[in-house]
PDB file of N, CA and C in Angstrom:
ATOM      1  N   MET A   1     102.293 106.846  86.513  1.00  0.00           N
ATOM      2  CA  MET A   1     103.729 106.978  86.597  1.00  0.00           C
ATOM      3  C   MET A   1     104.280 107.181  85.188  1.00  0.00           C
ATOM      4  N   PRO A   2     105.158 108.170  85.013  1.00  0.00           N
ATOM      5  CA  PRO A   2     105.727 108.390  83.686  1.00  0.00           C
ATOM      6  C   PRO A   2     106.654 107.259  83.260  1.00  0.00           C
ATOM      7  N   TYR A   3     106.922 107.207  81.992  1.00  0.00           N
ATOM      8  CA  TYR A   3     107.800 106.174  81.446  1.00  0.00           C
ATOM      9  C   TYR A   3     109.256 106.562  81.686  1.00  0.00           C
ATOM     10  N   TYR A   4     110.046 105.653  82.249  1.00  0.00           N
ATOM     11  CA  TYR A   4     111.469 105.867  82.471  1.00  0.00           C
ATOM     12  C   TYR A   4     112.253 104.788  81.747  1.00  0.00           C
ATOM     13  N   TYR A   5     113.440 105.153  81.271  1.00  0.00           N
ATOM     14  CA  TYR A   5     114.354 104.187  80.672  1.00  0.00           C
ATOM     15  C   TYR A   5     115.491 103.989  81.665  1.00  0.00           C
ATOM     16  N   PHE A   6     115.694 102.753  82.158  1.00  0.00           N
ATOM     17  CA  PHE A   6     116.668 102.467  83.193  1.00  0.00           C
ATOM     18  C   PHE A   6     117.873 101.708  82.657  1.00  0.00           C
ATOM     19  N   ASN A   7     119.036 102.022  83.209  1.00  0.00           N
ATOM     20  CA  ASN A   7     120.255 101.241  83.009  1.00  0.00           C
ATOM     21  C   ASN A   7     120.672 100.714  84.371  1.00  0.00           C
ATOM     22  N   GLU A   8     120.900  99.416  84.457  1.00  0.00           N
ATOM     23  CA  GLU A   8     121.301  98.825  85.726  1.00  0.00           C
ATOM     24  C   GLU A   8     122.783  99.057  85.967  1.00  0.00           C
ATOM     25  N   ILE A   9     123.126  99.401  87.206  1.00  0.00           N
ATOM     26  CA  ILE A   9     124.510  99.606  87.613  1.00  0.00           C
ATOM     27  C   ILE A   9     124.930  98.375  88.405  1.00  0.00           C
ATOM     28  N   TRP A  10     126.030  97.738  87.975  1.00  0.00           N
ATOM     29  CA  TRP A  10     126.468  96.543  88.693  1.00  0.00           C
ATOM     30  C   TRP A  10     127.239  96.942  89.937  1.00  0.00           C
ATOM     31  N   THR A  11     126.826  96.398  91.089  1.00  0.00           N
ATOM     32  CA  THR A  11     127.523  96.568  92.368  1.00  0.00           C
ATOM     33  C   THR A  11     127.512  95.219  93.068  1.00  0.00           C
ATOM     34  N   PRO A  12     128.382  95.025  94.052  1.00  0.00           N
ATOM     35  CA  PRO A  12     128.341  93.781  94.829  1.00  0.00           C
ATOM     36  C   PRO A  12     127.016  93.573  95.564  1.00  0.00           C
ATOM     37  N   PHE A  13     126.248  94.639  95.781  1.00  0.00           N
ATOM     38  CA  PHE A  13     124.946  94.497  96.431  1.00  0.00           C
ATOM     39  C   PHE A  13     123.996  93.629  95.610  1.00  0.00           C
ATOM     40  N   LYS A  14     124.236  93.525  94.303  1.00  0.00           N
ATOM     41  CA  LYS A  14     123.378  92.715  93.442  1.00  0.00           C
ATOM     42  C   LYS A  14     123.376  91.252  93.893  1.00  0.00           C
ATOM     43  N   LEU A  15     124.473  90.806  94.478  1.00  0.00           N
ATOM     44  CA  LEU A  15     124.574  89.422  94.941  1.00  0.00           C
ATOM     45  C   LEU A  15     123.601  89.106  96.075  1.00  0.00           C
ATOM     46  N   ILE A  16     123.191  90.131  96.832  1.00  0.00           N
ATOM     47  CA  ILE A  16     122.237  89.901  97.931  1.00  0.00           C
ATOM     48  C   ILE A  16     120.845  90.443  97.604  1.00  0.00           C
ATOM     49  N   GLY A  17     120.624  90.848  96.341  1.00  0.00           N
ATOM     50  CA  GLY A  17     119.277  91.219  95.918  1.00  0.00           C
ATOM     51  C   GLY A  17     118.968  92.697  95.903  1.00  0.00           C
ATOM     52  N   ILE A  18     119.981  93.569  96.062  1.00  0.00           N
ATOM     53  CA  ILE A  18     119.760  95.009  96.012  1.00  0.00           C
ATOM     54  C   ILE A  18     120.329  95.512  94.697  1.00  0.00           C
ATOM     55  N   ARG A  19     119.463  96.071  93.845  1.00  0.00           N
ATOM     56  CA  ARG A  19     119.896  96.511  92.523  1.00  0.00           C
ATOM     57  C   ARG A  19     119.782  98.028  92.404  1.00  0.00           C
ATOM     58  N   LEU A  20     120.769  98.642  91.777  1.00  0.00           N
ATOM     59  CA  LEU A  20     120.765 100.080  91.539  1.00  0.00           C
ATOM     60  C   LEU A  20     120.562 100.342  90.052  1.00  0.00           C
ATOM     61  N   TYR A  21     119.773 101.363  89.752  1.00  0.00           N
ATOM     62  CA  TYR A  21     119.479 101.747  88.373  1.00  0.00           C
ATOM     63  C   TYR A  21     119.660 103.244  88.223  1.00  0.00           C
ATOM     64  N   LYS A  22     119.981 103.683  86.997  1.00  0.00           N
ATOM     65  CA  LYS A  22     120.030 105.092  86.643  1.00  0.00           C
ATOM     66  C   LYS A  22     119.048 105.321  85.514  1.00  0.00           C
ATOM     67  N   ASP A  23     118.275 106.411  85.601  1.00  0.00           N
ATOM     68  CA  ASP A  23     117.371 106.733  84.508  1.00  0.00           C
ATOM     69  C   ASP A  23     118.042 107.722  83.563  1.00  0.00           C
ATOM     70  N   GLU A  24     117.298 108.195  82.561  1.00  0.00           N
ATOM     71  CA  GLU A  24     117.894 109.069  81.548  1.00  0.00           C
ATOM     72  C   GLU A  24     118.302 110.430  82.104  1.00  0.00           C
ATOM     73  N   ASP A  25     117.793 110.818  83.272  1.00  0.00           N
ATOM     74  CA  ASP A  25     118.186 112.079  83.907  1.00  0.00           C
ATOM     75  C   ASP A  25     119.307 111.881  84.922  1.00  0.00           C
ATOM     76  N   GLN A  26     119.921 110.702  84.928  1.00  0.00           N
ATOM     77  CA  GLN A  26     121.021 110.346  85.837  1.00  0.00           C
ATOM     78  C   GLN A  26     120.583 110.312  87.300  1.00  0.00           C
ATOM     79  N   THR A  27     119.306 110.051  87.547  1.00  0.00           N
ATOM     80  CA  THR A  27     118.781 109.896  88.897  1.00  0.00           C
ATOM     81  C   THR A  27     118.942 108.438  89.311  1.00  0.00           C
ATOM     82  N   LEU A  28     119.379 108.211  90.550  1.00  0.00           N
ATOM     83  CA  LEU A  28     119.561 106.848  91.042  1.00  0.00           C
ATOM     84  C   LEU A  28     118.262 106.292  91.608  1.00  0.00           C
ATOM     85  N   TRP A  29     118.013 105.023  91.308  1.00  0.00           N
ATOM     86  CA  TRP A  29     116.854 104.288  91.810  1.00  0.00           C
ATOM     87  C   TRP A  29     117.362 103.008  92.451  1.00  0.00           C
ATOM     88  N   VAL A  30     116.633 102.506  93.440  1.00  0.00           N
ATOM     89  CA  VAL A  30     117.014 101.262  94.101  1.00  0.00           C
ATOM     90  C   VAL A  30     115.835 100.297  94.062  1.00  0.00           C
ATOM     91  N   LYS A  31     116.145  99.019  93.867  1.00  0.00           N
ATOM     92  CA  LYS A  31     115.135  97.956  93.918  1.00  0.00           C
ATOM     93  C   LYS A  31     115.664  96.907  94.880  1.00  0.00           C
ATOM     94  N   ILE A  32     114.905  96.632  95.934  1.00  0.00           N
ATOM     95  CA  ILE A  32     115.304  95.672  96.956  1.00  0.00           C
ATOM     96  C   ILE A  32     114.404  94.455  96.848  1.00  0.00           C
ATOM     97  N   TRP A  33     115.009  93.332  96.516  1.00  0.00           N
ATOM     98  CA  TRP A  33     114.338  92.049  96.319  1.00  0.00           C
ATOM     99  C   TRP A  33     113.140  92.174  95.410  1.00  0.00           C
ATOM    100  N   HIS A  34     111.944  91.922  95.898  1.00  0.00           N
ATOM    101  CA  HIS A  34     110.745  91.921  95.052  1.00  0.00           C
ATOM    102  C   HIS A  34     109.951  93.220  95.150  1.00  0.00           C
ATOM    103  N   LEU A  35     110.450  94.210  95.892  1.00  0.00           N
ATOM    104  CA  LEU A  35     109.736  95.476  96.053  1.00  0.00           C
ATOM    105  C   LEU A  35     109.884  96.352  94.814  1.00  0.00           C
ATOM    106  N   LYS A  36     109.057  97.397  94.728  1.00  0.00           N
ATOM    107  CA  LYS A  36     109.098  98.314  93.587  1.00  0.00           C
ATOM    108  C   LYS A  36     110.366  99.163  93.619  1.00  0.00           C
ATOM    109  N   LYS A  37     110.737  99.695  92.460  1.00  0.00           N
ATOM    110  CA  LYS A  37     111.869 100.622  92.386  1.00  0.00           C
ATOM    111  C   LYS A  37     111.496 101.908  93.107  1.00  0.00           C
ATOM    112  N   ARG A  38     112.478 102.459  93.852  1.00  0.00           N
ATOM    113  CA  ARG A  38     112.268 103.734  94.539  1.00  0.00           C
ATOM    114  C   ARG A  38     113.416 104.660  94.207  1.00  0.00           C
ATOM    115  N   ARG A  39     113.116 105.928  94.069  1.00  0.00           N
ATOM    116  CA  ARG A  39     114.149 106.917  93.787  1.00  0.00           C
ATOM    117  C   ARG A  39     114.935 107.200  95.056  1.00  0.00           C
ATOM    118  N   LEU A  40     116.261 107.284  94.935  1.00  0.00           N
ATOM    119  CA  LEU A  40     117.099 107.639  96.079  1.00  0.00           C
ATOM    120  C   LEU A  40     117.135 109.136  96.245  1.00  0.00           C
ATOM    121  N   ARG A  41     116.918 109.594  97.436  1.00  0.00           N
ATOM    122  CA  ARG A  41     116.977 111.036  97.723  1.00  0.00           C
ATOM    123  C   ARG A  41     118.420 111.403  98.023  1.00  0.00           C
ATOM    124  N   SER A  42     118.887 112.503  97.432  1.00  0.00           N
ATOM    125  CA  SER A  42     120.255 112.933  97.723  1.00  0.00           C
ATOM    126  C   SER A  42     120.323 114.406  98.031  1.00  0.00           C
TER     127      SER A  42
END
């Protein structure tokens, strides 16, 4: 897997364990609880 630099985006979903991240190409990623980060398809 290539190296990505992530910035976390704060949303109310963070309170229930769903975190959103943006990489340097402005692609959205999601991390749900203890699972791996996955890219969101749009």
